Amino acid sequence: MFAHRVLLIAFLSLAAAPSTRAEPIRTHPENPRYFLFQGKPTILITSGEHYGAVLNREFDFEPYLDELQRRGLNLTRTFSGTYLEVHGSFKIQNNTLAPPLDQYQSPWAKKDGKHDLDQFDPAYFERLKAFLKAADQRGVVVELVLFCTLYNDDLWAINPMNARNNVNGVGDCTRQEVYTLKHPELLKRQLAFVERVVKELNGCDNLYYEICNEPYFQGVALDWQARVAATIVETEKDLPNKHLIAQNIANGKAKIENPDPNVTIFNFHYATPPDVVAMNAHLNKPIGDDETGFRGTGDRVYRTEAWEFLLAGGSTFSNLDYSFTADHEDGSAKVVDPTPGGGGPVLRAQLAFLKTWLERFDFLRMRPDDGSITIARGEPDNGARVWTLAEPGQQYAAYLRGGKNIALKIALPDGSYTYELADPRNGETLGNGQFTIQGGHHTLGLPDLAEDVALSIRRAPS
């Protein structure tokens, strides 16, 4: 009897204990420009594969995620499977978004050789959830992109939502009308897919949704995007977890005038220079640069894009890394022309250093600062300026692209400060020391820079 009573008390105690299940990634309550993930302030930085990890059955995603974990990178951008590409799309070599058709994992079941948009394939959700779980075990957040612009007729010709490819007879329209409210039967299937995904993945903490990749091309309607976002919110209304929603706004830059209230994260592609961060500072929300490319296969342009964007106050940097392929899931494939981007182990190591360097600061307390650290003299490379995050009088994180005979004018509140210079290419320390400001400024000379330099300044202990 006593043993039974002890067991009953133990059971009731466990039942009454609060849940320790992690809350999904969300904006940080102290600074909503950044994230809170697994109890820690978070900036999302990665160099990830071309979005086919789930829909391409030839792609073994565990070695891929192992490589991200090994580098300390914490994001992967992944397409849901409602879109796929063909061999040769955008001149990408060994494109993970272009599996052989017999290796394409569609969300929808097949019937008589065609897709049935009223029946989901259980194998799809098994693979999708296995991917989320494997990413979670490695501390990697998944940006799940639900839909993607249909850029050309070749892509529309193989898409399951094309009436020629499904048994339902829906999608008998031009590709420019697929993501609009003009075709109710097609819209019904799209929203049913969204609802099912949201329900299946509600328990995942390492997840946020993006409505559509590059919707500013080929007729993707704003009211359709709003409908998808509203469907996510409505579906989660009575579910335990609520996930963030991202919207892809533009290539380069744009000012957001009337943001969708259901959207929290605003993503841009090829956001260099990072003017878009200051343009949308009024939102006080995370701003992401979540696709890079079309600037050659070298590392430097993508590394400098990352440093400038995050030191301008961005929250997310997602480099598109073409060294991950279905036969080199560890990211060891050589990236060659005409592939329209870069990637590889060296760049991933450089981005890993950027992430650890930023995490040494209490970045929640920092804001973009244009005036405290400026170029006093010298020949900056390509007219580069200094990009700085600052907690005035306490800590400063600054970045400058290369140049010769450069000195920085450092105008800070009175006090003593320590500083350290680092090489973003390899993390090596280039110099350090201490200076005091009393009613003026300090001039700090820099070594001639082959490429770029990172500068950290902290108030010295009294």
Protein backbone atom coordinates (compact mmCIF):
# COMPACT_ATOMS: atom_id res chain seq x y z
CA MET A 1 0.00 0.00 0.00
CA PHE A 2 2.79 2.41 0.95
CA ALA A 3 4.62 1.73 -2.34
CA HIS A 4 1.44 2.34 -4.30
CA ARG A 5 0.92 5.62 -2.46
CA VAL A 6 4.48 6.74 -3.23
CA LEU A 7 3.98 5.92 -6.90
CA LEU A 8 0.68 7.81 -6.99
CA ILE A 9 2.25 10.89 -5.36
CA ALA A 10 5.14 10.76 -7.83
CA PHE A 11 2.74 10.48 -10.77
CA LEU A 12 0.63 13.40 -9.57
CA SER A 13 3.77 15.50 -9.03
CA LEU A 14 4.93 14.85 -12.58
CA ALA A 15 1.49 15.61 -13.95
CA ALA A 16 1.39 18.92 -12.09
CA ALA A 17 4.91 19.97 -13.09
CA PRO A 18 5.14 22.73 -15.73
CA SER A 19 6.11 21.62 -19.22
CA THR A 20 9.76 22.03 -20.14
CA ARG A 21 9.07 21.80 -23.87
CA ALA A 22 10.92 24.54 -25.71
CA GLU A 23 8.92 27.46 -27.03
CA PRO A 24 9.19 28.02 -30.80
CA ILE A 25 11.69 30.62 -31.98
CA ARG A 26 10.25 34.11 -31.50
CA THR A 27 11.35 37.70 -31.42
CA HIS A 28 13.25 38.67 -28.30
CA PRO A 29 11.06 40.62 -25.85
CA GLU A 30 13.95 42.96 -24.97
CA ASN A 31 14.84 43.72 -28.58
CA PRO A 32 12.38 42.44 -31.22
CA ARG A 33 14.88 43.04 -34.04
CA TYR A 34 16.52 39.79 -32.89
CA PHE A 35 15.33 36.33 -31.89
CA LEU A 36 14.92 34.23 -28.76
CA PHE A 37 15.62 30.56 -29.44
CA GLN A 38 16.02 27.85 -26.82
CA GLY A 39 16.30 30.49 -24.14
CA LYS A 40 19.13 32.45 -25.80
CA PRO A 41 19.33 35.73 -27.74
CA THR A 42 19.88 34.67 -31.33
CA ILE A 43 21.10 35.97 -34.68
CA LEU A 44 20.54 33.53 -37.54
CA ILE A 45 23.57 32.93 -39.76
CA THR A 46 24.12 30.17 -42.27
CA SER A 47 25.55 29.00 -45.56
CA GLY A 48 23.01 26.45 -46.71
CA GLU A 49 22.10 24.20 -49.61
CA HIS A 50 19.78 25.24 -52.44
CA TYR A 51 16.55 24.48 -50.58
CA GLY A 52 15.98 20.89 -51.76
CA ALA A 53 16.81 18.96 -48.59
CA VAL A 54 13.26 17.65 -48.14
CA LEU A 55 11.85 17.41 -51.67
CA ASN A 56 14.94 15.68 -53.11
CA ARG A 57 15.02 12.07 -51.94
CA GLU A 58 18.54 11.67 -53.35
CA PHE A 59 19.78 14.24 -50.82
CA ASP A 60 20.89 12.75 -47.47
CA PHE A 61 20.19 15.65 -45.16
CA GLU A 62 22.00 14.34 -42.07
CA PRO A 63 25.58 14.95 -43.35
CA TYR A 64 24.39 18.38 -44.48
CA LEU A 65 23.03 19.26 -41.05
CA ASP A 66 26.14 17.77 -39.43
CA GLU A 67 28.26 20.25 -41.38
CA LEU A 68 26.12 23.19 -40.27
CA GLN A 69 26.37 22.03 -36.65
CA ARG A 70 30.14 21.54 -36.92
CA ARG A 71 30.49 25.15 -38.04
CA GLY A 72 28.05 26.46 -35.42
CA LEU A 73 25.71 27.74 -38.15
CA ASN A 74 22.09 27.78 -37.06
CA LEU A 75 19.70 28.14 -40.03
CA THR A 76 18.61 26.28 -43.14
CA ARG A 77 16.21 27.64 -45.74
CA THR A 78 14.12 24.80 -47.17
CA PHE A 79 11.38 24.67 -49.81
CA SER A 80 8.29 22.69 -48.89
CA GLY A 81 7.99 20.71 -52.14
CA THR A 82 5.19 22.61 -53.88
CA TYR A 83 7.87 23.81 -56.33
CA LEU A 84 10.82 22.11 -58.01
CA GLU A 85 13.27 22.93 -60.77
CA VAL A 86 14.67 21.14 -63.81
CA HIS A 87 18.20 20.29 -64.81
CA GLY A 88 19.90 23.48 -65.99
CA SER A 89 17.59 25.91 -64.18
CA PHE A 90 19.46 29.19 -63.63
CA LYS A 91 22.69 27.44 -64.81
CA ILE A 92 23.09 25.78 -61.40
CA GLN A 93 25.35 22.74 -61.45
CA ASN A 94 24.07 19.72 -59.45
CA ASN A 95 21.04 21.64 -58.27
CA THR A 96 19.43 20.10 -55.18
CA LEU A 97 16.10 21.68 -56.19
CA ALA A 98 16.13 19.70 -59.44
CA PRO A 99 15.92 16.03 -58.48
CA PRO A 100 15.23 13.31 -61.05
CA LEU A 101 11.45 13.19 -61.25
CA ASP A 102 11.40 9.67 -59.78
CA GLN A 103 13.26 11.08 -56.74
CA TYR A 104 10.97 14.08 -56.23
CA GLN A 105 9.13 13.85 -52.91
CA SER A 106 5.85 15.58 -53.61
CA PRO A 107 3.50 16.52 -50.77
CA TRP A 108 0.69 14.93 -52.75
CA ALA A 109 0.03 11.27 -53.43
CA LYS A 110 0.18 9.88 -56.95
CA LYS A 111 -2.80 8.33 -58.77
CA ASP A 112 -2.52 6.95 -62.28
CA GLY A 113 0.83 8.64 -62.67
CA LYS A 114 -0.48 12.08 -61.68
CA HIS A 115 -0.71 14.02 -58.44
CA ASP A 116 -3.91 13.91 -56.42
CA LEU A 117 -4.18 17.34 -54.77
CA ASP A 118 -6.84 15.98 -52.41
CA GLN A 119 -4.55 13.26 -51.01
CA PHE A 120 -1.30 13.85 -49.18
CA ASP A 121 1.59 11.40 -49.33
CA PRO A 122 2.38 10.09 -45.80
CA ALA A 123 6.01 9.61 -46.86
CA TYR A 124 6.28 13.34 -47.45
CA PHE A 125 5.34 14.23 -43.90
CA GLU A 126 7.59 11.50 -42.51
CA ARG A 127 10.55 13.01 -44.36
CA LEU A 128 9.59 16.59 -43.51
CA LYS A 129 9.28 15.84 -39.79
CA ALA A 130 12.47 13.76 -39.80
CA PHE A 131 14.28 16.76 -41.27
CA LEU A 132 12.88 19.13 -38.64
CA LYS A 133 13.85 16.71 -35.88
CA ALA A 134 17.37 16.20 -37.21
CA ALA A 135 17.83 19.98 -37.52
CA ASP A 136 16.52 20.51 -33.99
CA GLN A 137 18.98 17.98 -32.59
CA ARG A 138 21.76 20.06 -34.11
CA GLY A 139 20.49 23.47 -33.01
CA VAL A 140 19.48 24.46 -36.55
CA VAL A 141 16.37 26.56 -37.25
CA VAL A 142 14.36 25.75 -40.38
CA GLU A 143 12.87 28.51 -42.51
CA LEU A 144 10.20 26.52 -44.34
CA VAL A 145 9.25 28.25 -47.58
CA LEU A 146 5.70 27.18 -48.45
CA PHE A 147 5.53 28.32 -52.09
CA CYS A 148 7.79 29.75 -54.78
CA THR A 149 7.28 31.95 -57.81
CA LEU A 150 7.00 30.03 -61.06
CA TYR A 151 9.69 31.82 -63.04
CA ASN A 152 9.24 30.24 -66.45
CA ASP A 153 7.14 27.81 -68.45
CA ASP A 154 9.55 24.90 -67.93
CA LEU A 155 8.96 25.06 -64.19
CA TRP A 156 5.20 25.34 -64.57
CA ALA A 157 5.19 22.38 -66.95
CA ILE A 158 6.40 19.97 -64.21
CA ASN A 159 4.55 21.48 -61.25
CA PRO A 160 1.89 19.35 -59.49
CA MET A 161 -0.51 22.31 -59.41
CA ASN A 162 -0.60 22.43 -63.21
CA ALA A 163 -3.84 20.81 -64.42
CA ARG A 164 -1.85 18.60 -66.79
CA ASN A 165 -0.09 17.01 -63.80
CA ASN A 166 -2.97 16.37 -61.39
CA VAL A 167 -6.12 14.24 -61.45
CA ASN A 168 -8.24 17.02 -60.00
CA GLY A 169 -8.38 19.22 -63.06
CA VAL A 170 -7.32 22.30 -61.11
CA GLY A 171 -4.61 24.71 -62.17
CA ASP A 172 -5.84 25.20 -65.73
CA CYS A 173 -4.39 28.70 -65.89
CA THR A 174 -1.24 30.61 -66.69
CA ARG A 175 1.61 30.43 -64.20
CA GLN A 176 1.11 34.13 -63.46
CA GLU A 177 -2.30 33.32 -61.94
CA VAL A 178 -1.32 30.35 -59.76
CA TYR A 179 -0.72 32.50 -56.68
CA THR A 180 -3.79 34.70 -56.87
CA LEU A 181 -7.36 34.49 -55.61
CA LYS A 182 -8.70 34.04 -59.16
CA HIS A 183 -9.03 30.24 -59.07
CA PRO A 184 -10.99 29.09 -55.98
CA GLU A 185 -10.48 25.35 -56.51
CA LEU A 186 -6.72 25.74 -56.81
CA LEU A 187 -6.67 28.11 -53.83
CA LYS A 188 -8.60 25.55 -51.77
CA ARG A 189 -5.88 22.94 -52.36
CA GLN A 190 -3.09 25.39 -51.60
CA LEU A 191 -4.64 26.41 -48.29
CA ALA A 192 -5.41 22.77 -47.42
CA PHE A 193 -1.69 22.06 -47.85
CA VAL A 194 -0.81 24.99 -45.59
CA GLU A 195 -3.23 23.82 -42.91
CA ARG A 196 -1.89 20.27 -42.98
CA VAL A 197 1.75 21.37 -42.73
CA VAL A 198 0.99 23.76 -39.89
CA LYS A 199 -0.84 21.06 -37.93
CA GLU A 200 1.83 18.43 -38.56
CA LEU A 201 4.67 20.71 -37.47
CA ASN A 202 3.04 22.54 -34.58
CA GLY A 203 5.25 20.79 -32.04
CA CYS A 204 8.50 21.97 -33.65
CA ASP A 205 10.35 24.77 -31.87
CA ASN A 206 13.04 25.26 -34.57
CA LEU A 207 10.68 26.51 -37.26
CA TYR A 208 9.26 29.58 -38.90
CA TYR A 209 7.35 29.89 -42.16
CA GLU A 210 8.01 32.01 -45.21
CA ILE A 211 4.94 32.54 -47.39
CA CYS A 212 6.53 32.54 -50.84
CA ASN A 213 9.97 32.84 -52.34
CA GLU A 214 10.42 35.98 -54.48
CA PRO A 215 6.72 36.80 -54.86
CA TYR A 216 7.56 40.11 -56.51
CA PHE A 217 8.05 38.21 -59.79
CA GLN A 218 5.44 36.66 -62.10
CA GLY A 219 2.19 37.94 -60.66
CA VAL A 220 2.12 36.65 -57.07
CA ALA A 221 -0.65 38.72 -55.48
CA LEU A 222 -0.38 40.52 -52.15
CA ASP A 223 -3.93 39.51 -51.17
CA TRP A 224 -3.03 35.87 -51.87
CA GLN A 225 0.05 36.19 -49.61
CA ALA A 226 -2.11 37.73 -46.91
CA ARG A 227 -4.54 34.82 -47.24
CA VAL A 228 -1.76 32.28 -46.71
CA ALA A 229 -0.46 34.16 -43.65
CA ALA A 230 -3.97 34.38 -42.23
CA THR A 231 -4.43 30.64 -42.77
CA ILE A 232 -1.30 29.90 -40.73
CA VAL A 233 -2.55 32.11 -37.90
CA GLU A 234 -6.09 30.70 -38.01
CA THR A 235 -4.86 27.11 -38.05
CA GLU A 236 -2.63 27.69 -35.02
CA LYS A 237 -5.30 29.59 -33.09
CA ASP A 238 -6.33 26.54 -31.05
CA LEU A 239 -2.99 24.72 -31.22
CA PRO A 240 -0.35 24.85 -28.45
CA ASN A 241 2.33 26.69 -30.42
CA LYS A 242 2.43 29.83 -32.53
CA HIS A 243 5.14 30.19 -35.16
CA LEU A 244 6.62 33.28 -36.77
CA ILE A 245 5.75 34.16 -40.36
CA ALA A 246 8.20 35.72 -42.80
CA GLN A 247 7.49 37.59 -46.01
CA ASN A 248 9.98 37.99 -48.84
CA ILE A 249 9.72 41.67 -49.78
CA ALA A 250 12.18 42.49 -52.58
CA ASN A 251 15.54 41.95 -54.19
CA GLY A 252 17.93 44.63 -53.00
CA LYS A 253 15.84 47.07 -51.02
CA ALA A 254 12.37 48.51 -50.53
CA LYS A 255 10.59 50.47 -47.84
CA ILE A 256 7.70 48.59 -46.25
CA GLU A 257 4.75 50.96 -45.96
CA ASN A 258 1.81 48.72 -45.00
CA PRO A 259 3.10 45.55 -43.35
CA ASP A 260 0.81 42.57 -42.98
CA PRO A 261 0.01 42.36 -39.23
CA ASN A 262 0.47 38.58 -39.35
CA VAL A 263 4.05 38.93 -40.63
CA THR A 264 6.95 39.34 -38.20
CA ILE A 265 10.08 38.73 -40.29
CA PHE A 266 10.81 40.73 -43.44
CA ASN A 267 13.24 39.10 -45.85
CA PHE A 268 15.23 40.54 -48.73
CA HIS A 269 17.53 38.95 -51.30
CA TYR A 270 20.89 40.29 -52.47
CA ALA A 271 20.62 43.09 -49.90
CA THR A 272 23.95 44.75 -50.52
CA PRO A 273 24.65 47.46 -49.57
CA PRO A 274 22.37 46.89 -46.57
CA ASP A 275 20.37 50.11 -46.91
CA VAL A 276 17.16 48.15 -46.38
CA VAL A 277 17.85 47.78 -42.65
CA ALA A 278 17.80 51.52 -41.96
CA MET A 279 14.91 52.03 -44.40
CA ASN A 280 12.73 49.72 -42.31
CA ALA A 281 14.02 50.48 -38.82
CA HIS A 282 10.59 51.95 -38.03
CA LEU A 283 9.12 48.42 -38.01
CA ASN A 284 11.32 47.32 -35.08
CA LYS A 285 11.16 43.78 -36.47
CA PRO A 286 13.76 41.31 -37.76
CA ILE A 287 15.13 42.15 -41.20
CA GLY A 288 16.80 39.29 -43.09
CA ASP A 289 19.13 38.92 -46.06
CA ASP A 290 18.14 35.34 -46.79
CA GLU A 291 19.52 34.72 -50.26
CA THR A 292 22.83 35.66 -51.87
CA GLY A 293 24.34 35.08 -55.29
CA PHE A 294 24.92 36.36 -58.82
CA ARG A 295 28.23 37.95 -57.78
CA GLY A 296 30.62 35.21 -58.85
CA THR A 297 31.89 32.09 -57.13
CA GLY A 298 34.48 33.74 -54.84
CA ASP A 299 34.12 34.01 -51.07
CA ARG A 300 34.92 37.67 -50.45
CA VAL A 301 31.75 39.26 -51.81
CA TYR A 302 29.48 37.03 -49.73
CA ARG A 303 31.56 37.37 -46.57
CA THR A 304 31.55 41.16 -46.81
CA GLU A 305 27.82 41.13 -47.57
CA ALA A 306 27.26 39.20 -44.35
CA TRP A 307 29.39 41.47 -42.16
CA GLU A 308 27.88 44.66 -43.58
CA PHE A 309 24.29 43.45 -43.31
CA LEU A 310 24.55 42.22 -39.72
CA LEU A 311 26.62 45.19 -38.54
CA ALA A 312 23.94 47.43 -40.07
CA GLY A 313 21.43 45.83 -37.70
CA GLY A 314 20.10 42.87 -39.67
CA SER A 315 18.96 39.75 -37.84
CA THR A 316 19.45 37.01 -40.43
CA PHE A 317 22.03 36.17 -43.08
CA SER A 318 21.49 33.09 -45.23
CA ASN A 319 24.19 32.50 -47.83
CA LEU A 320 23.19 30.29 -50.74
CA ASP A 321 25.91 27.63 -50.78
CA TYR A 322 26.16 25.56 -53.96
CA SER A 323 28.86 23.23 -52.57
CA PHE A 324 26.10 21.08 -51.06
CA THR A 325 24.93 18.59 -53.68
CA ALA A 326 23.21 15.20 -53.71
CA ASP A 327 26.60 13.49 -54.00
CA HIS A 328 28.45 15.91 -51.68
CA GLU A 329 25.99 16.50 -48.85
CA ASP A 330 28.87 17.53 -46.59
CA GLY A 331 29.43 20.63 -48.73
CA SER A 332 32.68 19.51 -50.33
CA ALA A 333 31.66 19.93 -53.98
CA LYS A 334 33.67 22.51 -55.90
CA VAL A 335 31.57 25.46 -57.03
CA VAL A 336 32.36 26.39 -60.62
CA ASP A 337 31.04 28.71 -63.30
CA PRO A 338 28.39 29.16 -64.57
CA THR A 339 26.77 28.44 -61.18
CA PRO A 340 25.46 31.88 -60.12
CA GLY A 341 26.92 31.99 -56.64
CA GLY A 342 29.51 30.61 -54.26
CA GLY A 343 29.99 28.56 -51.13
CA GLY A 344 32.29 25.98 -49.63
CA PRO A 345 34.20 25.11 -46.45
CA VAL A 346 36.32 28.28 -46.37
CA LEU A 347 33.33 30.61 -46.58
CA ARG A 348 31.43 28.58 -43.99
CA ALA A 349 34.38 28.90 -41.60
CA GLN A 350 34.42 32.66 -42.16
CA LEU A 351 30.70 32.96 -41.46
CA ALA A 352 31.16 30.79 -38.38
CA PHE A 353 33.74 33.30 -37.09
CA LEU A 354 31.32 36.17 -37.76
CA LYS A 355 28.66 34.39 -35.70
CA THR A 356 30.93 33.68 -32.72
CA TRP A 357 32.36 37.21 -32.89
CA LEU A 358 28.90 38.79 -32.71
CA GLU A 359 27.88 36.47 -29.89
CA ARG A 360 30.68 37.85 -27.73
CA PHE A 361 28.68 41.08 -27.49
CA ASP A 362 25.49 41.72 -25.59
CA PHE A 363 23.94 42.56 -28.95
CA LEU A 364 20.40 42.98 -27.58
CA ARG A 365 21.58 46.31 -26.13
CA MET A 366 23.16 47.50 -29.36
CA ARG A 367 21.78 49.63 -32.18
CA PRO A 368 23.17 50.78 -35.55
CA ASP A 369 25.50 53.76 -35.06
CA ASP A 370 26.78 55.92 -37.94
CA GLY A 371 28.70 58.54 -35.99
CA SER A 372 30.87 57.06 -33.25
CA ILE A 373 33.46 55.40 -35.51
CA THR A 374 34.30 57.02 -38.85
CA ILE A 375 37.15 57.07 -41.33
CA ALA A 376 39.58 59.85 -40.41
CA ARG A 377 41.98 59.35 -43.30
CA GLY A 378 43.17 56.79 -45.81
CA GLU A 379 42.12 55.03 -48.97
CA PRO A 380 39.19 52.70 -48.21
CA ASP A 381 38.58 49.88 -50.66
CA ASN A 382 35.75 50.64 -53.09
CA GLY A 383 34.62 53.60 -51.02
CA ALA A 384 33.64 51.39 -48.09
CA ARG A 385 32.33 52.97 -44.93
CA VAL A 386 32.38 51.72 -41.37
CA TRP A 387 29.39 49.70 -40.19
CA THR A 388 28.85 49.81 -36.43
CA LEU A 389 26.58 48.41 -33.76
CA ALA A 390 26.82 50.21 -30.45
CA GLU A 391 25.67 50.37 -26.86
CA PRO A 392 26.88 53.95 -26.30
CA GLY A 393 29.72 54.21 -23.84
CA GLN A 394 29.85 50.45 -23.25
CA GLN A 395 30.46 48.29 -26.33
CA TYR A 396 31.00 48.79 -30.05
CA ALA A 397 31.20 46.28 -32.90
CA ALA A 398 32.57 47.78 -36.14
CA TYR A 399 33.45 46.48 -39.57
CA LEU A 400 35.41 48.01 -42.45
CA ARG A 401 36.28 46.66 -45.87
CA GLY A 402 39.95 46.86 -46.84
CA GLY A 403 42.14 49.79 -47.75
CA LYS A 404 45.51 51.48 -47.22
CA ASN A 405 46.79 54.07 -44.72
CA ILE A 406 43.45 54.06 -42.90
CA ALA A 407 42.88 55.65 -39.52
CA LEU A 408 39.57 55.68 -37.66
CA LYS A 409 38.19 58.58 -35.67
CA ILE A 410 36.65 57.13 -32.52
CA ALA A 411 34.38 59.62 -30.76
CA LEU A 412 32.98 57.98 -27.63
CA PRO A 413 31.84 59.18 -24.20
CA ASP A 414 34.71 59.99 -21.85
CA GLY A 415 36.42 56.98 -20.33
CA SER A 416 38.94 54.22 -20.90
CA TYR A 417 38.34 51.50 -23.48
CA THR A 418 39.99 48.30 -24.68
CA TYR A 419 39.99 47.36 -28.34
CA GLU A 420 40.82 44.39 -30.54
CA LEU A 421 41.24 44.11 -34.30
CA ALA A 422 40.45 40.82 -36.06
CA ASP A 423 40.83 39.48 -39.59
CA PRO A 424 37.37 38.29 -40.79
CA ARG A 425 39.04 35.85 -43.22
CA ASN A 426 40.52 33.66 -40.49
CA GLY A 427 39.68 35.13 -37.08
CA GLU A 428 43.29 36.06 -36.32
CA THR A 429 43.95 38.98 -33.98
CA LEU A 430 45.62 41.87 -35.84
CA GLY A 431 46.14 44.13 -32.83
CA ASN A 432 44.78 45.15 -29.46
CA GLY A 433 45.26 47.76 -26.78
CA GLN A 434 43.66 50.43 -24.65
CA PHE A 435 42.93 54.13 -25.07
CA THR A 436 41.31 56.93 -23.08
CA ILE A 437 38.97 59.64 -24.30
CA GLN A 438 38.63 62.84 -22.34
CA GLY A 439 36.60 65.60 -23.99
CA GLY A 440 37.52 64.62 -27.53
CA HIS A 441 38.22 61.59 -29.67
CA HIS A 442 40.85 58.96 -30.31
CA THR A 443 42.50 58.25 -33.66
CA LEU A 444 43.23 54.58 -34.27
CA GLY A 445 45.54 53.64 -37.12
CA LEU A 446 44.84 50.34 -38.89
CA PRO A 447 47.25 47.97 -40.59
CA ASP A 448 46.97 47.99 -44.37
CA LEU A 449 44.09 45.65 -45.04
CA ALA A 450 44.22 42.97 -47.68
CA GLU A 451 40.46 42.68 -47.53
CA ASP A 452 38.63 43.76 -44.34
CA VAL A 453 38.85 44.18 -40.58
CA ALA A 454 36.59 43.77 -37.53
CA LEU A 455 36.99 46.07 -34.54
CA SER A 456 35.61 45.45 -31.07
CA ILE A 457 35.67 48.17 -28.40
CA ARG A 458 34.57 47.75 -24.79
CA ARG A 459 34.66 50.08 -21.81
CA ALA A 460 37.63 49.11 -19.67
CA PRO A 461 36.91 47.89 -16.11
CA SER A 462 37.26 50.75 -13.67
